[in-house]
Amino acid sequence: MLRILHSLPRTHKLLLLPVATMVTVLGAQKLITTYHDLNQPQTPLESVLVPLPSDSAPGVPSLRQERTPVAEAIDRASRALDATREHIPLSELTATEIVDLDVIPSAEASMASDAASHDAHPRVALSDSPLDDGALHMAIVLGTITSGMLNVDDSVEIADATSYEDYGVELYEDDVSFLELELAAEEPFVPEWETHIVEPGETFAVLAQNELGLGYSEVLALLDDLPDPRMLTHWRAGHSFDYQLDETGRLLALRMMKNTREGVLLERDSDQFAITAIERQGEPVQRLYAGSVTGSFARSAQATGLSSSSVTELTRILQKKLDFRRDSRRGDQFQVLVESDMIDGETLDSRVLAVKYDGERMDLTVVRNTTDDNFYTPEGSSLDPAFARRPFEGNYRLSSNFNPRRLHPVTGRVSPHNGTDFAMPIGTPITAPANGRVERVGNHHAAGRYIVVRHDNGYRTRYLHLSQPLVSQGERVTMGERIALSGNTGRSTGPHLHYEVIVNNTPVNAMTVELPENTSLSGDTLIAFQRQAEPMLAALESGETGTISVANYERDNDSDESLQ
């Protein structure tokens, strides 16, 4: 029976359910036997029972026509049979009244074959007595009844029904689920991100037309709108980008990273693309590096694992106080606390947070202040202290200005005057305009006795025509300290001081150049800085190299304070 049902079209399967249920449960031969017994004379209607197997449960009701469910079943069967004889619009029938009787002839032939071979019911000769209209009518009635009409009870409330079992019956050919297809057709289109890896010789213009559904004019317009079109025109094999296509295969969105941190997102907006910059925020990670000077300071610092950019920043910080060529010694110790942004396992934008240098000739500890991004000592002193405009006390006449294009009075040639001359008596005290270290003390036939001082902010100053130096080479000096006495030595036309300020190895006008002001911290600003510097100073003192958490040192300090 299942083979017959499986071979029918879908519409026939849906129409045939009542008859298929009846034939499967009762068997075609028992149906005809019931019909034969019903036509015997003097047979009361209520005595006609449906034959069932011997192991069936008792209590099967008789087919009494006066019972309402049976009457309804006969009425529905009659209407269905009338539909085979004359035209009845389907709109006038309910779903349970529509049946397909094409299977009856095949079922009748199958029953005749079974009866001839087994001769189970010799009272009916199927080959000689084909089913007439009455038999067909009876078959439809019993099929309708066995489909559940006898179980209807209007007095019983029927709960919601469902099924969780897979009966293993393939109801459709080729194992196609029309329900899944219908559901899939109703689902909205959701674009998915795909990744394209650039191959050697591949260009965006060709790829966009072949794979992304863009026209040549659209590609040109897109490149014109990009802030950096080189991202798409100068890519290399192995680079990748992500993209989305719409239902028609046209580019919907494109995402490309210029580097680990920066990228661009293109999103279709009508006939144009909206462009949004991408900037990924990394997780800040702190790491402590420690080492000792074994040769040049830069190489010693790089040997600890510091990046080239961190070494450059570290050198720039320390050289304001430390002359590496003269002040650094083999065996000097240093610790450097560096913070970097971590993105996908890559460290980016490293920046020095704190430095501690323990040397034979100088000790220095500085911490970055996040408020102004400058470095200060733990006491709040700046690495860029105030710089005095004049290197002496009192007022003295300016006898010759700074003039890089001055003409020599005898030769007529350009003879630059790279300093400022102050007329003053011999022996006038000369003071250091800022903190620094004496770089050179010497004597020259034209400059006479002279001194060169390198200051903590990187500036250098020179003092010529002196009568007597008061400091030695390599000595540390502080702002306002006496370093020499003025004089009239060398090639000079009278007692005076020749004073020069040199910035980035270039002489500048000492009277007009912008000089650092006093930026040391004080008051509430100093208290806030020292509070911020505590965990970083604790990390330097710990000497625990490698990745650390400054926040942990801050929590430890808070715990210590709570115990006091």
Protein backbone atom coordinates (compact mmCIF):
# COMPACT_ATOMS: atom_id res chain seq x y z
CA MET A 1 0.00 0.00 0.00
CA LEU A 2 2.82 2.36 0.85
CA ARG A 3 4.43 1.66 -2.53
CA ILE A 4 1.20 2.61 -4.26
CA LEU A 5 0.86 5.75 -2.17
CA HIS A 6 4.49 6.71 -2.82
CA SER A 7 4.10 6.45 -6.59
CA LEU A 8 1.15 8.85 -6.77
CA PRO A 9 1.40 12.61 -7.39
CA ARG A 10 1.35 14.89 -4.41
CA THR A 11 -2.22 16.07 -4.93
CA HIS A 12 -3.50 12.47 -5.10
CA LYS A 13 -1.71 11.64 -1.87
CA LEU A 14 -3.44 14.41 0.00
CA LEU A 15 -6.86 13.50 -1.37
CA LEU A 16 -6.53 9.78 -0.70
CA LEU A 17 -5.81 9.82 3.02
CA PRO A 18 -9.26 8.56 4.21
CA VAL A 19 -9.34 5.61 1.79
CA ALA A 20 -5.67 4.80 2.36
CA THR A 21 -6.24 4.65 6.09
CA MET A 22 -9.22 2.37 5.69
CA VAL A 23 -7.50 -0.03 3.29
CA THR A 24 -4.36 -0.17 5.43
CA VAL A 25 -6.16 -0.85 8.73
CA LEU A 26 -8.95 -3.22 7.63
CA GLY A 27 -7.60 -4.70 4.45
CA ALA A 28 -9.43 -4.59 1.10
CA GLN A 29 -10.75 -8.16 1.38
CA LYS A 30 -12.41 -7.52 4.77
CA LEU A 31 -14.09 -4.47 3.32
CA ILE A 32 -15.74 -6.49 0.56
CA THR A 33 -16.70 -9.21 3.04
CA THR A 34 -18.53 -6.63 5.12
CA TYR A 35 -20.32 -5.36 2.04
CA HIS A 36 -21.35 -8.93 1.08
CA ASP A 37 -22.75 -9.65 4.59
CA LEU A 38 -24.69 -6.43 4.55
CA ASN A 39 -26.57 -7.52 1.40
CA GLN A 40 -27.77 -10.84 2.89
CA PRO A 41 -31.55 -10.94 3.41
CA GLN A 42 -32.98 -10.53 6.91
CA THR A 43 -29.70 -9.11 8.22
CA PRO A 44 -30.23 -6.31 10.74
CA LEU A 45 -27.95 -3.35 10.19
CA GLU A 46 -26.60 -3.24 13.74
CA SER A 47 -25.46 -6.92 13.52
CA VAL A 48 -22.98 -6.19 10.76
CA LEU A 49 -19.55 -5.91 12.40
CA VAL A 50 -16.22 -5.03 10.87
CA PRO A 51 -14.02 -8.19 10.89
CA LEU A 52 -10.82 -7.63 12.89
CA PRO A 53 -7.83 -9.83 13.79
CA SER A 54 -8.21 -12.24 16.68
CA ASP A 55 -5.87 -10.24 18.92
CA SER A 56 -7.82 -6.98 18.58
CA ALA A 57 -9.07 -5.22 21.68
CA PRO A 58 -12.80 -5.80 22.46
CA GLY A 59 -15.37 -3.08 22.42
CA VAL A 60 -15.30 -2.16 18.73
CA PRO A 61 -18.61 -0.38 18.03
CA SER A 62 -21.04 -1.66 15.43
CA LEU A 63 -21.78 0.34 12.32
CA ARG A 64 -25.18 1.60 13.34
CA GLN A 65 -26.42 4.15 10.91
CA GLU A 66 -28.47 6.01 13.50
CA ARG A 67 -25.31 7.18 15.30
CA THR A 68 -24.54 10.75 14.30
CA PRO A 69 -20.85 10.23 13.38
CA VAL A 70 -21.76 7.38 10.98
CA ALA A 71 -24.50 9.46 9.41
CA GLU A 72 -22.09 12.30 8.85
CA ALA A 73 -19.55 9.89 7.37
CA ILE A 74 -22.12 8.46 4.93
CA ASP A 75 -23.20 11.94 3.93
CA ARG A 76 -19.60 13.00 3.26
CA ALA A 77 -18.91 9.81 1.34
CA SER A 78 -22.01 10.31 -0.77
CA ARG A 79 -20.97 13.81 -1.67
CA ALA A 80 -17.50 12.58 -2.57
CA LEU A 81 -18.97 9.84 -4.78
CA ASP A 82 -21.25 12.35 -6.48
CA ALA A 83 -18.15 14.37 -7.30
CA THR A 84 -16.97 11.41 -9.43
CA ARG A 85 -20.19 11.34 -11.42
CA GLU A 86 -20.94 14.99 -11.92
CA HIS A 87 -19.13 18.30 -11.60
CA ILE A 88 -19.11 19.78 -8.10
CA PRO A 89 -16.94 22.86 -7.56
CA LEU A 90 -14.12 22.20 -5.16
CA SER A 91 -14.98 25.41 -3.35
CA GLU A 92 -18.16 23.76 -2.10
CA LEU A 93 -16.28 20.83 -0.56
CA THR A 94 -14.27 20.77 2.66
CA ALA A 95 -10.79 19.28 2.86
CA THR A 96 -12.05 15.99 4.34
CA GLU A 97 -14.59 15.53 1.52
CA ILE A 98 -12.05 15.61 -1.31
CA VAL A 99 -10.74 12.17 -2.22
CA ASP A 100 -9.09 10.55 -5.21
CA LEU A 101 -10.45 7.19 -6.38
CA ASP A 102 -7.75 6.34 -8.94
CA VAL A 103 -6.25 3.87 -6.51
CA ILE A 104 -9.42 1.72 -6.28
CA PRO A 105 -8.89 -0.25 -9.53
CA SER A 106 -5.33 -1.10 -8.59
CA ALA A 107 -6.41 -2.03 -5.07
CA GLU A 108 -9.22 -4.21 -6.53
CA ALA A 109 -6.78 -6.01 -8.80
CA SER A 110 -4.45 -6.60 -5.87
CA MET A 111 -7.28 -8.03 -3.77
CA ALA A 112 -8.37 -10.33 -6.58
CA SER A 113 -4.85 -11.65 -6.87
CA ASP A 114 -4.63 -12.29 -3.12
CA ALA A 115 -8.04 -14.02 -3.07
CA ALA A 116 -7.12 -16.29 -5.95
CA SER A 117 -3.87 -17.38 -4.33
CA HIS A 118 -5.02 -17.81 -0.74
CA ASP A 119 -8.78 -18.34 -1.16
CA ALA A 120 -9.25 -16.80 2.30
CA HIS A 121 -12.93 -15.89 1.67
CA PRO A 122 -14.50 -18.24 -0.88
CA ARG A 123 -17.91 -16.65 -0.46
CA VAL A 124 -16.95 -13.79 -2.78
CA ALA A 125 -15.54 -14.33 -6.23
CA LEU A 126 -13.66 -11.16 -6.89
CA SER A 127 -12.70 -12.03 -10.43
CA ASP A 128 -16.32 -12.60 -11.37
CA SER A 129 -17.85 -9.84 -9.26
CA PRO A 130 -16.02 -6.55 -9.74
CA LEU A 131 -16.87 -3.75 -7.38
CA ASP A 132 -20.02 -1.94 -8.42
CA ASP A 133 -21.07 1.56 -7.42
CA GLY A 134 -22.47 0.29 -4.16
CA ALA A 135 -19.17 -1.31 -3.21
CA LEU A 136 -17.34 1.86 -4.01
CA HIS A 137 -19.83 3.78 -1.93
CA MET A 138 -19.34 1.38 0.99
CA ALA A 139 -15.54 1.58 0.68
CA ILE A 140 -15.64 5.35 0.89
CA VAL A 141 -17.99 5.20 3.88
CA LEU A 142 -15.72 2.82 5.80
CA GLY A 143 -12.63 4.79 4.84
CA THR A 144 -14.18 7.96 6.19
CA ILE A 145 -15.25 6.17 9.40
CA THR A 146 -11.86 4.63 10.06
CA SER A 147 -10.19 8.00 9.57
CA GLY A 148 -11.54 9.03 12.98
CA MET A 149 -15.24 9.80 12.69
CA LEU A 150 -16.18 7.24 15.38
CA ASN A 151 -13.86 8.89 17.88
CA VAL A 152 -15.50 12.34 17.72
CA ASP A 153 -17.01 13.40 21.02
CA ASP A 154 -18.18 17.00 21.24
CA SER A 155 -18.41 16.72 25.03
CA VAL A 156 -14.69 16.10 25.41
CA GLU A 157 -12.28 19.01 25.16
CA ILE A 158 -9.45 18.10 22.80
CA ALA A 159 -6.05 19.46 23.72
CA ASP A 160 -3.55 20.82 21.21
CA ALA A 161 -1.93 17.96 19.30
CA THR A 162 1.59 17.57 17.94
CA SER A 163 3.98 14.89 16.75
CA TYR A 164 7.65 14.35 17.54
CA GLU A 165 8.27 11.14 15.65
CA ASP A 166 9.90 10.50 12.30
CA TYR A 167 7.93 7.68 10.67
CA GLY A 168 10.56 7.09 8.05
CA VAL A 169 8.13 7.54 5.15
CA GLU A 170 9.33 9.66 2.27
CA LEU A 171 6.19 11.47 1.18
CA TYR A 172 7.82 13.26 -1.73
CA GLU A 173 9.91 12.06 -4.61
CA ASP A 174 13.67 12.66 -4.64
CA ASP A 175 13.57 13.29 -0.89
CA VAL A 176 12.69 16.99 -1.40
CA SER A 177 11.10 18.82 1.52
CA PHE A 178 8.74 21.39 0.09
CA LEU A 179 8.21 22.83 3.55
CA GLU A 180 11.91 23.63 3.89
CA LEU A 181 11.93 25.20 0.43
CA GLU A 182 8.92 27.35 1.26
CA LEU A 183 10.44 28.48 4.56
CA ALA A 184 13.75 29.26 2.87
CA ALA A 185 11.96 31.32 0.24
CA GLU A 186 10.26 33.39 2.94
CA GLU A 187 13.49 34.14 4.87
CA PRO A 188 14.96 37.63 4.29
CA PHE A 189 18.36 37.89 2.57
CA VAL A 190 21.19 38.36 5.05
CA PRO A 191 24.57 39.33 3.50
CA GLU A 192 27.60 37.49 4.82
CA TRP A 193 31.19 38.73 5.14
CA GLU A 194 33.66 37.02 2.83
CA THR A 195 37.45 37.41 2.68
CA HIS A 196 39.53 37.88 -0.46
CA ILE A 197 43.30 37.37 -0.47
CA VAL A 198 45.17 39.37 -3.11
CA GLU A 199 46.99 37.23 -5.66
CA PRO A 200 50.14 38.25 -7.59
CA GLY A 201 49.37 40.64 -10.44
CA GLU A 202 45.79 41.24 -9.31
CA THR A 203 44.38 44.78 -9.51
CA PHE A 204 41.36 46.21 -7.74
CA ALA A 205 39.87 47.68 -10.91
CA VAL A 206 39.65 44.27 -12.60
CA LEU A 207 38.61 42.43 -9.44
CA ALA A 208 35.84 44.94 -8.71
CA GLN A 209 34.30 44.41 -12.14
CA ASN A 210 34.68 40.62 -12.24
CA GLU A 211 33.91 39.66 -8.65
CA LEU A 212 32.23 42.62 -6.92
CA GLY A 213 29.70 43.61 -9.56
CA LEU A 214 30.99 47.18 -10.03
CA GLY A 215 31.18 49.07 -13.28
CA TYR A 216 34.33 50.82 -14.42
CA SER A 217 32.86 54.26 -13.70
CA GLU A 218 31.86 53.12 -10.20
CA VAL A 219 35.42 51.95 -9.53
CA LEU A 220 36.86 55.32 -10.57
CA ALA A 221 34.33 57.21 -8.44
CA LEU A 222 35.13 55.00 -5.47
CA LEU A 223 38.87 55.60 -5.78
CA ASP A 224 38.29 59.36 -6.01
CA ASP A 225 36.30 59.34 -2.76
CA LEU A 226 38.86 57.39 -0.75
CA PRO A 227 41.11 59.52 1.49
CA ASP A 228 44.03 57.26 0.57
CA PRO A 229 43.37 55.47 -2.76
CA ARG A 230 46.77 53.78 -2.53
CA MET A 231 45.12 51.30 -0.16
CA LEU A 232 43.36 49.80 -3.21
CA THR A 233 45.77 50.67 -6.00
CA HIS A 234 49.09 49.74 -4.34
CA TRP A 235 48.33 46.51 -2.57
CA ARG A 236 50.65 43.54 -2.43
CA ALA A 237 50.08 39.82 -2.87
CA GLY A 238 48.96 38.25 0.38
CA HIS A 239 47.03 41.28 1.60
CA SER A 240 43.36 40.67 2.28
CA PHE A 241 40.08 42.52 2.64
CA ASP A 242 36.53 41.62 3.67
CA TYR A 243 33.44 42.31 1.57
CA GLN A 244 29.66 41.75 1.38
CA LEU A 245 27.53 41.27 -1.74
CA ASP A 246 23.80 41.90 -2.06
CA GLU A 247 21.25 39.49 -3.60
CA THR A 248 22.24 40.56 -7.11
CA GLY A 249 25.98 40.05 -6.54
CA ARG A 250 26.86 43.75 -6.29
CA LEU A 251 29.25 45.13 -3.70
CA LEU A 252 27.38 46.08 -0.55
CA ALA A 253 30.27 46.77 1.86
CA LEU A 254 34.09 46.52 1.86
CA ARG A 255 36.43 46.58 4.83
CA MET A 256 40.22 46.94 4.45
CA MET A 257 42.90 47.57 7.09
CA LYS A 258 45.84 49.82 6.22
CA ASN A 259 47.73 48.38 9.17
CA THR A 260 46.91 46.63 12.41
CA ARG A 261 45.30 49.75 13.86
CA GLU A 262 43.95 51.81 10.94
CA GLY A 263 41.59 50.92 8.12
CA VAL A 264 38.55 52.02 6.13
CA LEU A 265 34.95 50.76 5.78
CA LEU A 266 32.93 51.32 2.60
CA GLU A 267 29.14 50.91 2.77
CA ARG A 268 26.75 51.33 -0.17
CA ASP A 269 24.39 54.27 0.19
CA SER A 270 22.08 54.38 -2.85
CA ASP A 271 24.42 54.82 -5.83
CA GLN A 272 27.41 55.92 -3.74
CA PHE A 273 29.58 54.54 -0.96
CA ALA A 274 29.78 56.03 2.51
CA ILE A 275 33.37 55.94 3.79
CA THR A 276 34.14 55.51 7.49
CA ALA A 277 37.61 55.43 9.02
CA ILE A 278 38.44 52.46 11.27
CA GLU A 279 40.73 52.90 14.27
CA ARG A 280 41.16 49.90 16.53
CA GLN A 281 41.85 50.54 20.20
CA GLY A 282 44.41 48.23 21.75
CA GLU A 283 44.72 47.02 25.31
CA PRO A 284 47.50 48.89 27.19
CA VAL A 285 50.24 46.57 28.41
CA GLN A 286 53.19 47.60 30.60
CA ARG A 287 56.60 45.95 30.45
CA LEU A 288 59.76 46.58 32.46
CA TYR A 289 63.18 46.40 30.79
CA ALA A 290 66.45 46.40 32.73
CA GLY A 291 70.09 46.35 31.67
CA SER A 292 73.59 47.69 32.20
CA VAL A 293 75.90 49.78 30.08
CA THR A 294 78.49 47.61 28.32
CA GLY A 295 79.45 49.92 25.45
CA SER A 296 77.36 52.61 23.84
CA PHE A 297 74.17 53.38 25.74
CA ALA A 298 71.94 52.94 22.67
CA ARG A 299 73.22 49.41 21.96
CA SER A 300 73.04 48.47 25.64
CA ALA A 301 69.40 49.64 25.76
CA GLN A 302 68.50 47.78 22.56
CA ALA A 303 70.05 44.59 23.97
CA THR A 304 67.34 44.54 26.67
CA GLY A 305 64.67 44.07 24.01
CA LEU A 306 63.57 47.67 23.65
CA SER A 307 62.34 48.63 20.19
CA SER A 308 64.24 51.17 18.11
CA SER A 309 61.56 53.82 18.70
CA SER A 310 61.72 53.27 22.48
CA VAL A 311 65.53 53.54 22.46
CA THR A 312 65.31 56.81 20.55
CA GLU A 313 62.77 58.22 23.00
CA LEU A 314 64.82 57.03 26.00
CA THR A 315 68.00 58.66 24.64
CA ARG A 316 66.17 61.93 24.01
CA ILE A 317 64.88 61.95 27.61
CA LEU A 318 68.17 61.17 29.32
CA GLN A 319 70.42 63.38 27.22
CA LYS A 320 68.80 66.43 28.81
CA LYS A 321 70.64 65.49 32.00
CA LEU A 322 73.25 62.99 30.85
CA ASP A 323 76.11 63.33 28.38
CA PHE A 324 76.43 59.71 27.25
CA ARG A 325 79.91 60.17 25.79
CA ARG A 326 81.35 61.64 28.98
CA ASP A 327 79.02 60.69 31.84
CA SER A 328 78.05 57.07 31.14
CA ARG A 329 80.37 54.36 32.47
CA ARG A 330 80.53 50.60 31.95
CA GLY A 331 78.39 48.90 34.58
CA ASP A 332 75.88 51.74 35.01
CA GLN A 333 72.41 50.22 35.65
CA PHE A 334 69.10 51.36 34.16
CA GLN A 335 65.43 50.32 34.25
CA VAL A 336 62.84 51.45 31.73
CA LEU A 337 59.05 51.09 32.09
CA VAL A 338 57.33 51.04 28.69
CA GLU A 339 53.62 50.93 27.84
CA SER A 340 52.33 49.60 24.49
CA ASP A 341 48.97 48.94 22.86
CA MET A 342 48.38 45.23 22.28
CA ILE A 343 46.25 44.31 19.22
CA ASP A 344 46.06 40.71 17.99
CA GLY A 345 49.27 39.87 19.80
CA GLU A 346 51.18 42.79 18.24
CA THR A 347 52.60 45.66 20.29
CA LEU A 348 51.99 49.13 18.85
CA ASP A 349 52.80 52.74 19.80
CA SER A 350 55.27 52.03 22.59
CA ARG A 351 55.88 54.95 24.95
CA VAL A 352 58.27 55.34 27.88
CA LEU A 353 56.49 55.82 31.23
CA ALA A 354 59.41 55.99 33.66
CA VAL A 355 63.23 55.69 33.72
CA LYS A 356 65.72 55.03 36.49
CA TYR A 357 69.45 55.46 35.81
CA ASP A 358 72.00 54.49 38.47
CA GLY A 359 75.41 55.64 37.24
CA GLU A 360 78.87 56.26 38.55
CA ARG A 361 78.65 59.97 37.76
CA MET A 362 74.91 60.60 37.88
CA ASP A 363 71.67 59.14 39.31
CA LEU A 364 68.40 60.12 37.67
CA THR A 365 64.77 59.01 37.99
CA VAL A 366 62.03 60.58 35.90
CA VAL A 367 58.33 59.79 35.37
CA ARG A 368 55.96 60.83 32.60
CA ASN A 369 53.16 63.13 33.72
CA THR A 370 49.99 62.15 31.83
CA THR A 371 48.54 65.62 32.32
CA ASP A 372 51.06 67.46 30.11
CA ASP A 373 53.03 64.47 28.73
CA ASN A 374 56.31 65.84 30.12
CA PHE A 375 58.85 64.12 32.40
CA TYR A 376 59.54 65.15 35.96
CA THR A 377 61.64 63.92 38.84
CA PRO A 378 59.75 62.38 41.79
CA GLU A 379 60.03 65.77 43.48
CA GLY A 380 58.28 67.48 40.55
CA SER A 381 61.34 69.12 38.95
CA SER A 382 61.15 69.38 35.19
CA LEU A 383 63.80 68.18 32.79
CA ASP A 384 63.31 71.50 31.03
CA PRO A 385 64.05 74.01 33.81
CA ALA A 386 63.92 77.76 33.35
CA PHE A 387 66.61 79.29 31.16
CA ALA A 388 67.87 82.80 31.97
CA ARG A 389 68.08 85.30 29.15
CA ARG A 390 71.44 86.76 30.30
CA PRO A 391 74.32 84.84 31.98
CA PHE A 392 75.19 87.48 34.55
CA GLU A 393 73.69 89.63 37.25
CA GLY A 394 73.17 93.37 36.77
CA ASN A 395 72.79 95.45 33.61
CA TYR A 396 75.56 95.83 31.01
CA ARG A 397 75.51 97.53 27.64
CA LEU A 398 74.95 95.37 24.55
CA SER A 399 77.91 96.38 22.35
CA SER A 400 77.37 94.08 19.32
CA ASN A 401 74.22 92.26 18.22
CA PHE A 402 73.84 88.79 16.77
CA ASN A 403 74.31 89.12 12.98
CA PRO A 404 74.98 86.08 10.77
CA ARG A 405 75.41 88.39 7.69
CA ARG A 406 77.82 90.93 9.19
CA LEU A 407 80.52 92.26 6.83
CA HIS A 408 84.12 92.38 7.97
CA PRO A 409 85.20 96.06 8.29
CA VAL A 410 88.60 95.43 6.61
CA THR A 411 88.10 92.66 4.04
CA GLY A 412 84.48 93.49 3.17
CA ARG A 413 83.57 89.82 3.19
CA VAL A 414 80.71 88.26 5.14
CA SER A 415 81.98 87.49 8.61
CA PRO A 416 79.03 86.23 10.73
CA HIS A 417 78.79 87.35 14.31
CA ASN A 418 77.12 84.32 15.94
CA GLY A 419 76.88 85.74 19.43
CA THR A 420 75.95 88.77 21.48
CA ASP A 421 78.65 91.01 23.00
CA PHE A 422 78.23 92.75 26.36
CA ALA A 423 80.73 95.46 27.33
CA MET A 424 81.79 94.85 30.97
CA PRO A 425 84.84 95.30 33.18
CA ILE A 426 87.39 92.51 33.39
CA GLY A 427 86.57 90.11 36.25
CA THR A 428 82.78 90.43 36.09
CA PRO A 429 81.20 87.12 37.36
CA ILE A 430 79.58 84.96 34.66
CA THR A 431 76.78 82.59 35.81
CA ALA A 432 75.17 79.49 34.24
CA PRO A 433 71.79 80.43 32.68
CA ALA A 434 70.44 76.88 33.35
CA ASN A 435 71.42 73.53 34.79
CA GLY A 436 73.92 71.55 32.77
CA ARG A 437 77.36 70.04 32.51
CA VAL A 438 80.61 71.67 31.41
CA GLU A 439 81.42 70.20 28.03
CA ARG A 440 84.76 71.96 27.32
CA VAL A 441 87.25 74.37 28.86
CA GLY A 442 89.98 75.66 26.54
CA ASN A 443 92.08 78.44 25.05
CA HIS A 444 91.97 79.71 21.45
CA HIS A 445 94.09 82.31 19.64
CA ALA A 446 91.01 84.25 18.52
CA ALA A 447 88.41 83.28 21.16
CA GLY A 448 90.86 83.51 24.07
CA ARG A 449 89.91 81.50 27.14
CA TYR A 450 86.45 79.95 26.68
CA ILE A 451 83.89 77.53 28.20
CA VAL A 452 81.17 75.39 26.57
CA VAL A 453 78.22 74.16 28.70
CA ARG A 454 75.66 71.60 27.62
CA HIS A 455 72.31 72.22 29.35
CA ASP A 456 69.64 69.76 30.41
CA ASN A 457 67.16 70.91 27.78
CA GLY A 458 69.64 70.12 25.00
CA TYR A 459 70.80 73.68 24.43
CA ARG A 460 74.51 74.62 24.54
CA THR A 461 76.09 77.91 25.52
CA ARG A 462 79.60 79.33 24.79
CA TYR A 463 81.51 82.04 26.67
CA LEU A 464 84.54 83.70 24.96
CA HIS A 465 87.32 86.18 25.89
CA LEU A 466 87.27 85.12 29.56
CA SER A 467 89.96 86.08 32.02
CA GLN A 468 89.52 82.98 34.19
CA PRO A 469 87.34 79.80 34.09
CA LEU A 470 85.93 78.75 37.47
CA VAL A 471 84.82 75.20 36.53
CA SER A 472 86.45 72.13 35.04
CA GLN A 473 85.48 70.00 32.11
CA GLY A 474 82.76 67.44 33.00
CA GLU A 475 81.66 69.31 36.11
CA ARG A 476 77.96 69.61 36.86
CA VAL A 477 76.62 73.18 37.17
CA THR A 478 73.29 74.58 38.29
CA MET A 479 71.34 77.62 37.24
CA GLY A 480 72.89 80.84 38.68
CA GLU A 481 76.20 79.18 39.64
CA ARG A 482 79.40 81.20 38.87
CA ILE A 483 81.35 79.53 36.09
CA ALA A 484 83.89 82.19 34.92
CA LEU A 485 85.13 85.80 35.04
CA SER A 486 84.90 88.10 32.01
CA GLY A 487 88.06 89.38 30.34
CA ASN A 488 89.75 90.63 27.15
CA THR A 489 91.71 87.61 25.89
CA GLY A 490 92.11 86.51 22.29
CA ARG A 491 91.26 88.74 19.35
CA SER A 492 89.29 91.46 21.13
CA THR A 493 88.97 95.22 20.81
CA GLY A 494 88.19 95.75 24.52
CA PRO A 495 86.92 94.08 27.72
CA HIS A 496 83.64 92.30 26.98
CA LEU A 497 81.77 88.93 27.09
CA HIS A 498 80.93 87.11 23.87
CA TYR A 499 77.87 84.94 24.64
CA GLU A 500 76.38 82.29 22.26
CA VAL A 501 73.31 80.04 22.45
CA ILE A 502 73.34 76.99 20.17
CA VAL A 503 70.15 74.99 19.43
CA ASN A 504 70.41 71.80 17.35
CA ASN A 505 74.02 72.69 16.49
CA THR A 506 72.90 76.04 15.04
CA PRO A 507 73.73 79.44 16.60
CA VAL A 508 70.63 81.50 17.45
CA ASN A 509 70.03 85.00 18.76
CA ALA A 510 70.21 84.68 22.56
CA MET A 511 68.12 87.82 23.00
CA THR A 512 65.15 86.64 20.90
CA VAL A 513 65.19 82.85 20.95
CA GLU A 514 62.32 81.17 22.82
CA LEU A 515 63.69 79.82 26.07
CA PRO A 516 62.11 77.30 28.47
CA GLU A 517 60.25 78.75 31.43
CA ASN A 518 60.10 77.23 34.87
CA THR A 519 57.71 74.28 34.51
CA SER A 520 58.36 72.53 37.82
CA LEU A 521 55.24 71.27 39.58
CA SER A 522 53.91 72.65 42.84
CA GLY A 523 50.80 72.67 45.00
CA ASP A 524 47.87 70.44 44.03
CA THR A 525 49.50 69.73 40.66
CA LEU A 526 52.54 68.26 42.39
CA ILE A 527 50.38 66.16 44.75
CA ALA A 528 48.38 64.73 41.83
CA PHE A 529 51.57 63.90 39.92
CA GLN A 530 53.19 62.15 42.87
CA ARG A 531 50.05 60.11 43.44
CA GLN A 532 50.11 59.04 39.79
CA ALA A 533 53.86 58.29 39.88
CA GLU A 534 53.74 55.98 42.93
CA PRO A 535 52.87 52.71 41.13
CA MET A 536 55.38 53.40 38.35
CA LEU A 537 58.15 54.11 40.82
CA ALA A 538 57.24 50.91 42.68
CA ALA A 539 57.50 48.96 39.42
CA LEU A 540 60.99 50.41 38.81
CA GLU A 541 62.11 49.52 42.33
CA SER A 542 60.81 45.94 42.05
CA GLY A 543 63.17 45.09 39.20
CA GLU A 544 60.66 42.48 37.93
CA THR A 545 61.33 42.53 34.22
CA GLY A 546 58.74 41.43 31.69
CA THR A 547 55.03 42.15 31.40
CA ILE A 548 53.63 43.69 34.57
CA SER A 549 50.51 45.53 35.68
CA VAL A 550 51.01 49.01 37.07
CA ALA A 551 47.47 48.78 38.47
CA ASN A 552 48.60 45.95 40.74
CA TYR A 553 51.30 48.14 42.27
CA GLU A 554 48.72 50.87 42.76
CA ARG A 555 46.40 48.46 44.60
CA ASP A 556 49.31 47.25 46.73
CA ASN A 557 50.08 50.82 47.73
CA ASP A 558 46.44 51.42 48.64
CA SER A 559 46.47 48.29 50.80
CA ASP A 560 49.65 49.40 52.59
CA GLU A 561 48.13 52.80 53.33
CA SER A 562 44.97 51.24 54.75
CA LEU A 563 47.05 49.18 57.20
CA GLN A 564 48.85 52.22 58.56
